Amino acid sequence: MKSYIFATDNDRGGVILCDIETLEEAVDYLQQRFKGVIRVEQGRRYWAQSEGFAELEPLAPDAGRSG
């Protein structure tokens, strides 16, 4: 099972736990099930209506530390 976080254009959304294996399949499913899906995330990979599919870069080991 995998979990996907999603958001809609009316500031709704949530988390879905399902047997869908790929982000691409999850986007298709969520767009059919919920109106106005604009973003779906799974780990560092995501799909956004304005950007398409992408992946977030990992943070540098010292990022966020104040010296």
PDB file of N, CA and C in Angstrom:
ATOM      1  N   MET A   1       0.836  -1.186   0.000  1.00  0.00           N
ATOM      2  CA  MET A   1       0.000   0.000   0.000  1.00  0.00           C
ATOM      3  C   MET A   1       0.880   1.248   0.000  1.00  0.00           C
ATOM      4  N   LYS A   2       0.384   2.260  -0.674  1.00  0.00           N
ATOM      5  CA  LYS A   2       1.082   3.543  -0.707  1.00  0.00           C
ATOM      6  C   LYS A   2       0.107   4.634  -0.312  1.00  0.00           C
ATOM      7  N   SER A   3       0.658   5.737   0.154  1.00  0.00           N
ATOM      8  CA  SER A   3      -0.187   6.883   0.485  1.00  0.00           C
ATOM      9  C   SER A   3       0.169   8.045  -0.432  1.00  0.00           C
ATOM     10  N   TYR A   4      -0.844   8.790  -0.798  1.00  0.00           N
ATOM     11  CA  TYR A   4      -0.695   9.954  -1.664  1.00  0.00           C
ATOM     12  C   TYR A   4      -1.397  11.129  -0.998  1.00  0.00           C
ATOM     13  N   ILE A   5      -0.743  12.269  -0.991  1.00  0.00           N
ATOM     14  CA  ILE A   5      -1.322  13.504  -0.476  1.00  0.00           C
ATOM     15  C   ILE A   5      -1.834  14.271  -1.685  1.00  0.00           C
ATOM     16  N   PHE A   6      -3.040  14.820  -1.586  1.00  0.00           N
ATOM     17  CA  PHE A   6      -3.553  15.579  -2.719  1.00  0.00           C
ATOM     18  C   PHE A   6      -4.248  16.850  -2.246  1.00  0.00           C
ATOM     19  N   ALA A   7      -4.312  17.814  -3.164  1.00  0.00           N
ATOM     20  CA  ALA A   7      -4.977  19.095  -2.895  1.00  0.00           C
ATOM     21  C   ALA A   7      -5.867  19.436  -4.077  1.00  0.00           C
ATOM     22  N   THR A   8      -6.932  20.191  -3.788  1.00  0.00           N
ATOM     23  CA  THR A   8      -7.853  20.618  -4.834  1.00  0.00           C
ATOM     24  C   THR A   8      -7.869  22.136  -4.932  1.00  0.00           C
ATOM     25  N   ASP A   9      -8.493  22.625  -5.995  1.00  0.00           N
ATOM     26  CA  ASP A   9      -8.529  24.062  -6.237  1.00  0.00           C
ATOM     27  C   ASP A   9      -9.431  24.829  -5.269  1.00  0.00           C
ATOM     28  N   ASN A  10     -10.168  24.140  -4.416  1.00  0.00           N
ATOM     29  CA  ASN A  10     -10.984  24.829  -3.418  1.00  0.00           C
ATOM     30  C   ASN A  10     -10.431  24.594  -2.005  1.00  0.00           C
ATOM     31  N   ASP A  11      -9.103  24.406  -1.927  1.00  0.00           N
ATOM     32  CA  ASP A  11      -8.374  24.239  -0.669  1.00  0.00           C
ATOM     33  C   ASP A  11      -8.820  23.032   0.140  1.00  0.00           C
ATOM     34  N   ARG A  12      -9.253  21.992  -0.542  1.00  0.00           N
ATOM     35  CA  ARG A  12      -9.596  20.733   0.121  1.00  0.00           C
ATOM     36  C   ARG A  12      -8.565  19.702  -0.312  1.00  0.00           C
ATOM     37  N   GLY A  13      -8.697  18.533   0.154  1.00  0.00           N
ATOM     38  CA  GLY A  13      -7.778  17.470  -0.213  1.00  0.00           C
ATOM     39  C   GLY A  13      -7.628  16.523   0.948  1.00  0.00           C
ATOM     40  N   GLY A  14      -6.541  15.790   0.944  1.00  0.00           N
ATOM     41  CA  GLY A  14      -6.321  14.845   2.014  1.00  0.00           C
ATOM     42  C   GLY A  14      -5.265  13.841   1.651  1.00  0.00           C
ATOM     43  N   VAL A  15      -5.341  12.702   2.329  1.00  0.00           N
ATOM     44  CA  VAL A  15      -4.407  11.606   2.109  1.00  0.00           C
ATOM     45  C   VAL A  15      -5.226  10.383   1.730  1.00  0.00           C
ATOM     46  N   ILE A  16      -4.763   9.664   0.733  1.00  0.00           N
ATOM     47  CA  ILE A  16      -5.437   8.434   0.340  1.00  0.00           C
ATOM     48  C   ILE A  16      -4.428   7.296   0.443  1.00  0.00           C
ATOM     49  N   LEU A  17      -4.835   6.221   1.085  1.00  0.00           N
ATOM     50  CA  LEU A  17      -4.031   5.014   1.211  1.00  0.00           C
ATOM     51  C   LEU A  17      -4.652   3.982   0.284  1.00  0.00           C
ATOM     52  N   CYS A  18      -3.859   3.464  -0.659  1.00  0.00           N
ATOM     53  CA  CYS A  18      -4.437   2.583  -1.669  1.00  0.00           C
ATOM     54  C   CYS A  18      -3.385   1.647  -2.257  1.00  0.00           C
ATOM     55  N   ASP A  19      -3.840   0.773  -3.141  1.00  0.00           N
ATOM     56  CA  ASP A  19      -2.962  -0.186  -3.815  1.00  0.00           C
ATOM     57  C   ASP A  19      -2.431   0.335  -5.143  1.00  0.00           C
ATOM     58  N   ILE A  20      -2.608   1.600  -5.438  1.00  0.00           N
ATOM     59  CA  ILE A  20      -2.091   2.193  -6.675  1.00  0.00           C
ATOM     60  C   ILE A  20      -0.577   2.310  -6.537  1.00  0.00           C
ATOM     61  N   GLU A  21       0.150   1.790  -7.516  1.00  0.00           N
ATOM     62  CA  GLU A  21       1.603   1.694  -7.413  1.00  0.00           C
ATOM     63  C   GLU A  21       2.379   2.917  -7.912  1.00  0.00           C
ATOM     64  N   THR A  22       1.826   3.658  -8.887  1.00  0.00           N
ATOM     65  CA  THR A  22       2.606   4.770  -9.446  1.00  0.00           C
ATOM     66  C   THR A  22       1.901   6.103  -9.230  1.00  0.00           C
ATOM     67  N   LEU A  23       2.692   7.138  -9.176  1.00  0.00           N
ATOM     68  CA  LEU A  23       2.150   8.491  -9.031  1.00  0.00           C
ATOM     69  C   LEU A  23       1.258   8.836 -10.215  1.00  0.00           C
ATOM     70  N   GLU A  24       1.657   8.434 -11.399  1.00  0.00           N
ATOM     71  CA  GLU A  24       0.870   8.724 -12.596  1.00  0.00           C
ATOM     72  C   GLU A  24      -0.531   8.115 -12.501  1.00  0.00           C
ATOM     73  N   GLU A  25      -0.599   6.871 -12.057  1.00  0.00           N
ATOM     74  CA  GLU A  25      -1.896   6.215 -11.886  1.00  0.00           C
ATOM     75  C   GLU A  25      -2.718   6.893 -10.789  1.00  0.00           C
ATOM     76  N   ALA A  26      -2.045   7.315  -9.726  1.00  0.00           N
ATOM     77  CA  ALA A  26      -2.735   7.989  -8.624  1.00  0.00           C
ATOM     78  C   ALA A  26      -3.339   9.312  -9.084  1.00  0.00           C
ATOM     79  N   VAL A  27      -2.616  10.062  -9.906  1.00  0.00           N
ATOM     80  CA  VAL A  27      -3.130  11.335 -10.428  1.00  0.00           C
ATOM     81  C   VAL A  27      -4.398  11.068 -11.243  1.00  0.00           C
ATOM     82  N   ASP A  28      -4.346  10.103 -12.139  1.00  0.00           N
ATOM     83  CA  ASP A  28      -5.522   9.764 -12.951  1.00  0.00           C
ATOM     84  C   ASP A  28      -6.710   9.389 -12.064  1.00  0.00           C
ATOM     85  N   TYR A  29      -6.465   8.531 -11.101  1.00  0.00           N
ATOM     86  CA  TYR A  29      -7.535   8.065 -10.217  1.00  0.00           C
ATOM     87  C   TYR A  29      -8.134   9.228  -9.416  1.00  0.00           C
ATOM     88  N   LEU A  30      -7.278  10.040  -8.815  1.00  0.00           N
ATOM     89  CA  LEU A  30      -7.768  11.138  -7.975  1.00  0.00           C
ATOM     90  C   LEU A  30      -8.518  12.187  -8.785  1.00  0.00           C
ATOM     91  N   GLN A  31      -8.069  12.438 -10.024  1.00  0.00           N
ATOM     92  CA  GLN A  31      -8.784  13.396 -10.876  1.00  0.00           C
ATOM     93  C   GLN A  31     -10.169  12.884 -11.253  1.00  0.00           C
ATOM     94  N   GLN A  32     -10.313  11.573 -11.379  1.00  0.00           N
ATOM     95  CA  GLN A  32     -11.623  10.999 -11.679  1.00  0.00           C
ATOM     96  C   GLN A  32     -12.526  10.999 -10.445  1.00  0.00           C
ATOM     97  N   ARG A  33     -11.921  10.800  -9.285  1.00  0.00           N
ATOM     98  CA  ARG A  33     -12.702  10.655  -8.049  1.00  0.00           C
ATOM     99  C   ARG A  33     -13.085  11.987  -7.414  1.00  0.00           C
ATOM    100  N   PHE A  34     -12.208  12.993  -7.509  1.00  0.00           N
ATOM    101  CA  PHE A  34     -12.441  14.284  -6.865  1.00  0.00           C
ATOM    102  C   PHE A  34     -12.350  15.413  -7.883  1.00  0.00           C
ATOM    103  N   LYS A  35     -13.202  16.383  -7.735  1.00  0.00           N
ATOM    104  CA  LYS A  35     -13.233  17.532  -8.636  1.00  0.00           C
ATOM    105  C   LYS A  35     -12.111  18.516  -8.284  1.00  0.00           C
ATOM    106  N   GLY A  36     -11.410  19.021  -9.303  1.00  0.00           N
ATOM    107  CA  GLY A  36     -10.447  20.099  -9.124  1.00  0.00           C
ATOM    108  C   GLY A  36      -9.114  19.730  -8.506  1.00  0.00           C
ATOM    109  N   VAL A  37      -8.643  18.493  -8.696  1.00  0.00           N
ATOM    110  CA  VAL A  37      -7.344  18.097  -8.139  1.00  0.00           C
ATOM    111  C   VAL A  37      -6.249  18.889  -8.851  1.00  0.00           C
ATOM    112  N   ILE A  38      -5.408  19.568  -8.063  1.00  0.00           N
ATOM    113  CA  ILE A  38      -4.340  20.395  -8.638  1.00  0.00           C
ATOM    114  C   ILE A  38      -2.939  19.946  -8.236  1.00  0.00           C
ATOM    115  N   ARG A  39      -2.838  19.069  -7.216  1.00  0.00           N
ATOM    116  CA  ARG A  39      -1.519  18.595  -6.785  1.00  0.00           C
ATOM    117  C   ARG A  39      -1.664  17.231  -6.113  1.00  0.00           C
ATOM    118  N   VAL A  40      -0.692  16.343  -6.425  1.00  0.00           N
ATOM    119  CA  VAL A  40      -0.622  15.028  -5.795  1.00  0.00           C
ATOM    120  C   VAL A  40       0.850  14.783  -5.458  1.00  0.00           C
ATOM    121  N   GLU A  41       1.109  14.311  -4.243  1.00  0.00           N
ATOM    122  CA  GLU A  41       2.480  14.065  -3.791  1.00  0.00           C
ATOM    123  C   GLU A  41       2.630  12.649  -3.271  1.00  0.00           C
ATOM    124  N   GLN A  42       3.828  12.089  -3.492  1.00  0.00           N
ATOM    125  CA  GLN A  42       4.179  10.793  -2.916  1.00  0.00           C
ATOM    126  C   GLN A  42       5.679  10.813  -2.708  1.00  0.00           C
ATOM    127  N   GLY A  43       6.096  10.921  -1.462  1.00  0.00           N
ATOM    128  CA  GLY A  43       7.521  11.063  -1.177  1.00  0.00           C
ATOM    129  C   GLY A  43       8.026  12.390  -1.734  1.00  0.00           C
ATOM    130  N   ARG A  44       9.150  12.350  -2.442  1.00  0.00           N
ATOM    131  CA  ARG A  44       9.686  13.571  -3.059  1.00  0.00           C
ATOM    132  C   ARG A  44       9.102  13.826  -4.441  1.00  0.00           C
ATOM    133  N   ARG A  45       8.409  12.838  -5.014  1.00  0.00           N
ATOM    134  CA  ARG A  45       7.799  13.007  -6.337  1.00  0.00           C
ATOM    135  C   ARG A  45       6.446  13.671  -6.196  1.00  0.00           C
ATOM    136  N   TYR A  46       6.102  14.489  -7.170  1.00  0.00           N
ATOM    137  CA  TYR A  46       4.801  15.145  -7.157  1.00  0.00           C
ATOM    138  C   TYR A  46       4.351  15.465  -8.571  1.00  0.00           C
ATOM    139  N   TRP A  47       3.061  15.739  -8.673  1.00  0.00           N
ATOM    140  CA  TRP A  47       2.465  16.259  -9.895  1.00  0.00           C
ATOM    141  C   TRP A  47       1.715  17.514  -9.492  1.00  0.00           C
ATOM    142  N   ALA A  48       1.904  18.584 -10.259  1.00  0.00           N
ATOM    143  CA  ALA A  48       1.160  19.821 -10.041  1.00  0.00           C
ATOM    144  C   ALA A  48       0.561  20.235 -11.376  1.00  0.00           C
ATOM    145  N   GLN A  49      -0.656  20.724 -11.321  1.00  0.00           N
ATOM    146  CA  GLN A  49      -1.362  21.109 -12.544  1.00  0.00           C
ATOM    147  C   GLN A  49      -0.544  22.107 -13.361  1.00  0.00           C
ATOM    148  N   SER A  50       0.120  23.033 -12.694  1.00  0.00           N
ATOM    149  CA  SER A  50       0.875  24.067 -13.393  1.00  0.00           C
ATOM    150  C   SER A  50       2.273  23.628 -13.828  1.00  0.00           C
ATOM    151  N   GLU A  51       2.795  22.526 -13.249  1.00  0.00           N
ATOM    152  CA  GLU A  51       4.173  22.109 -13.534  1.00  0.00           C
ATOM    153  C   GLU A  51       4.300  20.743 -14.184  1.00  0.00           C
ATOM    154  N   GLY A  52       3.312  19.891 -14.011  1.00  0.00           N
ATOM    155  CA  GLY A  52       3.436  18.515 -14.456  1.00  0.00           C
ATOM    156  C   GLY A  52       4.153  17.681 -13.402  1.00  0.00           C
ATOM    157  N   PHE A  53       4.802  16.605 -13.829  1.00  0.00           N
ATOM    158  CA  PHE A  53       5.492  15.716 -12.905  1.00  0.00           C
ATOM    159  C   PHE A  53       6.886  16.248 -12.621  1.00  0.00           C
ATOM    160  N   ALA A  54       7.309  16.145 -11.359  1.00  0.00           N
ATOM    161  CA  ALA A  54       8.636  16.613 -10.964  1.00  0.00           C
ATOM    162  C   ALA A  54       9.046  15.904  -9.676  1.00  0.00           C
ATOM    163  N   GLU A  55      10.270  16.185  -9.244  1.00  0.00           N
ATOM    164  CA  GLU A  55      10.777  15.616  -7.999  1.00  0.00           C
ATOM    165  C   GLU A  55      11.507  16.702  -7.228  1.00  0.00           C
ATOM    166  N   LEU A  56      11.270  16.752  -5.933  1.00  0.00           N
ATOM    167  CA  LEU A  56      11.946  17.717  -5.078  1.00  0.00           C
ATOM    168  C   LEU A  56      13.369  17.245  -4.832  1.00  0.00           C
ATOM    169  N   GLU A  57      14.296  18.188  -4.813  1.00  0.00           N
ATOM    170  CA  GLU A  57      15.686  17.868  -4.511  1.00  0.00           C
ATOM    171  C   GLU A  57      15.823  17.613  -3.015  1.00  0.00           C
ATOM    172  N   PRO A  58      16.655  16.649  -2.627  1.00  0.00           N
ATOM    173  CA  PRO A  58      16.877  16.445  -1.192  1.00  0.00           C
ATOM    174  C   PRO A  58      17.579  17.660  -0.590  1.00  0.00           C
ATOM    175  N   LEU A  59      17.291  17.930   0.661  1.00  0.00           N
ATOM    176  CA  LEU A  59      17.955  19.038   1.343  1.00  0.00           C
ATOM    177  C   LEU A  59      19.419  18.697   1.585  1.00  0.00           C
ATOM    178  N   ALA A  60      20.256  19.723   1.533  1.00  0.00           N
ATOM    179  CA  ALA A  60      21.666  19.528   1.879  1.00  0.00           C
ATOM    180  C   ALA A  60      21.757  19.159   3.354  1.00  0.00           C
ATOM    181  N   PRO A  61      22.743  18.358   3.734  1.00  0.00           N
ATOM    182  CA  PRO A  61      22.844  17.920   5.135  1.00  0.00           C
ATOM    183  C   PRO A  61      22.867  19.066   6.162  1.00  0.00           C
ATOM    184  N   ASP A  62      23.414  20.227   5.768  1.00  0.00           N
ATOM    185  CA  ASP A  62      23.474  21.335   6.730  1.00  0.00           C
ATOM    186  C   ASP A  62      22.346  22.353   6.544  1.00  0.00           C
ATOM    187  N   ALA A  63      21.406  22.094   5.659  1.00  0.00           N
ATOM    188  CA  ALA A  63      20.300  23.022   5.415  1.00  0.00           C
ATOM    189  C   ALA A  63      19.420  23.128   6.657  1.00  0.00           C
ATOM    190  N   GLY A  64      19.023  24.319   6.960  1.00  0.00           N
ATOM    191  CA  GLY A  64      18.133  24.539   8.097  1.00  0.00           C
ATOM    192  C   GLY A  64      18.848  24.680   9.424  1.00  0.00           C
ATOM    193  N   ARG A  65      20.140  24.491   9.432  1.00  0.00           N
ATOM    194  CA  ARG A  65      20.884  24.646  10.694  1.00  0.00           C
ATOM    195  C   ARG A  65      21.349  26.089  10.819  1.00  0.00           C
ATOM    196  N   SER A  66      21.243  26.608  11.996  1.00  0.00           N
ATOM    197  CA  SER A  66      21.802  27.953  12.238  1.00  0.00           C
ATOM    198  C   SER A  66      23.068  27.789  13.052  1.00  0.00           C
ATOM    199  N   GLY A  67      24.074  28.557  12.675  1.00  0.00           N
ATOM    200  CA  GLY A  67      25.383  28.352  13.250  1.00  0.00           C
ATOM    201  C   GLY A  67      25.664  29.200  14.342  1.00  0.00           C
TER     202      GLY A  67
END
